[in-house]
Amino acid sequence: MKIKYKPAEELVILEMVEYSLQKIAETGALIQNSGHAIILNWANGIVFHHSPLPFNSKELLKERKEGRIYWASVIYAPMPEYKEKLSVGPRDIPVVETPNPLLITAASWIKERMEKTSSS
């Protein structure tokens, strides 16, 4: 048996929106209130939630095989120190300190972009 690991080589983000920490927590609470689970990721001082495009078409599956993945959207906020949850009223939105290399790289890229935008 042959096993091959093929991590993504490129991430394409189609839409991204910066929120305040309070606003991303409130958005998480709204998602929970609508009956959907949400877990926020944290890495390198950024808390975020992404929505990947599923590999449900031949074109996207081909892109993935070529090493490219797509996120339909990502929402993010600066959060310098890791917290295991964000609270909004009675709701607790869980936050995971991600070990995923792709998510850590994405968070670093987002943070770098934020710093460039704020220094302009």
Protein backbone atom coordinates (compact mmCIF):
# COMPACT_ATOMS: atom_id res chain seq x y z
CA MET A 1 0.00 0.00 0.00
CA LYS A 2 1.23 3.47 -0.87
CA ILE A 3 0.35 6.50 1.23
CA LYS A 4 1.02 9.98 -0.04
CA TYR A 5 0.64 13.24 1.85
CA LYS A 6 -0.07 16.23 -0.38
CA PRO A 7 -0.63 19.44 1.57
CA ALA A 8 -2.03 22.49 -0.17
CA GLU A 9 0.54 24.61 -1.94
CA GLU A 10 -1.70 27.64 -2.43
CA LEU A 11 -4.68 29.11 -0.59
CA VAL A 12 -7.01 31.48 -2.43
CA ILE A 13 -9.25 33.61 -0.19
CA LEU A 14 -12.20 35.05 -2.11
CA GLU A 15 -13.51 37.40 0.59
CA MET A 16 -12.16 38.56 3.94
CA VAL A 17 -13.56 40.95 6.51
CA GLU A 18 -11.91 42.34 9.63
CA TYR A 19 -14.10 42.52 12.73
CA SER A 20 -13.55 43.78 16.23
CA LEU A 21 -13.15 41.02 18.82
CA GLN A 22 -16.61 41.82 20.21
CA LYS A 23 -18.19 41.73 16.73
CA ILE A 24 -16.64 38.36 15.81
CA ALA A 25 -17.92 36.95 19.13
CA GLU A 26 -21.41 38.36 18.42
CA THR A 27 -21.32 36.86 14.93
CA GLY A 28 -20.36 33.49 16.42
CA ALA A 29 -23.29 33.75 18.84
CA LEU A 30 -25.67 34.50 15.92
CA ILE A 31 -24.39 31.44 14.09
CA GLN A 32 -24.93 29.33 17.22
CA ASN A 33 -28.42 30.80 17.67
CA SER A 34 -29.31 29.68 14.14
CA GLY A 35 -28.52 26.09 15.14
CA HIS A 36 -25.07 25.77 13.58
CA ALA A 37 -21.90 24.89 15.43
CA ILE A 38 -18.97 27.28 15.25
CA ILE A 39 -15.43 27.02 16.52
CA LEU A 40 -13.06 29.93 16.02
CA ASN A 41 -9.39 29.31 15.27
CA TRP A 42 -6.55 31.26 16.87
CA ALA A 43 -2.93 31.59 15.77
CA ASN A 44 -0.30 34.33 15.89
CA GLY A 45 -2.56 36.90 17.54
CA ILE A 46 -5.49 36.44 15.13
CA VAL A 47 -8.85 34.79 15.82
CA PHE A 48 -10.73 33.75 12.70
CA HIS A 49 -13.37 31.60 11.07
CA HIS A 50 -13.15 30.46 7.46
CA SER A 51 -15.64 28.92 5.06
CA PRO A 52 -13.91 26.62 2.59
CA LEU A 53 -15.37 25.91 -0.81
CA PRO A 54 -16.28 22.23 -0.91
CA PHE A 55 -14.70 19.94 -3.50
CA ASN A 56 -18.09 19.21 -5.04
CA SER A 57 -17.26 20.03 -8.63
CA LYS A 58 -14.79 18.59 -11.11
CA GLU A 59 -13.08 21.99 -11.38
CA LEU A 60 -12.50 22.39 -7.63
CA LEU A 61 -11.37 18.78 -7.27
CA LYS A 62 -8.89 19.36 -10.11
CA GLU A 63 -7.65 22.55 -8.38
CA ARG A 64 -7.12 20.61 -5.13
CA LYS A 65 -5.18 17.90 -6.92
CA GLU A 66 -2.96 20.69 -8.28
CA GLY A 67 -2.35 21.92 -4.73
CA ARG A 68 -4.78 24.85 -4.63
CA ILE A 69 -7.65 25.28 -2.18
CA TYR A 70 -10.24 28.02 -1.89
CA TRP A 71 -11.91 29.71 1.03
CA ALA A 72 -15.17 31.43 0.13
CA SER A 73 -14.68 33.78 3.06
CA VAL A 74 -12.78 34.44 6.25
CA ILE A 75 -13.73 36.72 9.11
CA TYR A 76 -11.03 37.69 11.57
CA ALA A 77 -10.13 39.94 14.46
CA PRO A 78 -6.97 40.77 16.35
CA MET A 79 -6.69 38.82 19.61
CA PRO A 80 -3.11 39.16 20.90
CA GLU A 81 -3.51 36.63 23.73
CA TYR A 82 -5.15 33.24 23.30
CA LYS A 83 -8.44 32.69 25.15
CA GLU A 84 -10.23 29.33 25.07
CA LYS A 85 -13.62 30.99 24.58
CA LEU A 86 -15.32 34.28 23.79
CA SER A 87 -18.50 35.01 25.73
CA VAL A 88 -21.57 36.87 24.52
CA GLY A 89 -24.30 36.87 27.14
CA PRO A 90 -25.07 33.22 27.91
CA ARG A 91 -23.22 32.00 24.81
CA ASP A 92 -19.62 30.76 24.85
CA ILE A 93 -17.91 30.62 21.48
CA PRO A 94 -15.05 28.07 21.63
CA VAL A 95 -11.63 29.11 20.35
CA VAL A 96 -9.01 26.53 19.37
CA GLU A 97 -5.30 27.30 19.29
CA THR A 98 -4.84 25.56 15.97
CA PRO A 99 -1.95 23.17 15.35
CA ASN A 100 -2.80 23.10 11.61
CA PRO A 101 0.13 24.47 9.55
CA LEU A 102 -2.15 25.85 6.82
CA LEU A 103 -4.28 27.77 9.35
CA ILE A 104 -1.19 29.08 11.15
CA THR A 105 0.25 30.31 7.85
CA ALA A 106 -3.08 31.90 6.91
CA ALA A 107 -3.27 33.69 10.28
CA SER A 108 0.29 35.00 9.84
CA TRP A 109 -0.57 36.27 6.36
CA ILE A 110 -3.73 37.98 7.66
CA LYS A 111 -1.80 39.57 10.53
CA GLU A 112 0.92 40.82 8.18
CA ARG A 113 -1.73 42.30 5.89
CA MET A 114 -3.43 44.00 8.86
CA GLU A 115 -0.14 45.53 9.98
CA LYS A 116 0.59 46.85 6.46
CA THR A 117 -2.90 48.35 6.22
CA SER A 118 -2.67 50.05 9.63
CA SER A 119 0.77 51.52 8.88
CA SER A 120 -0.37 53.02 5.55
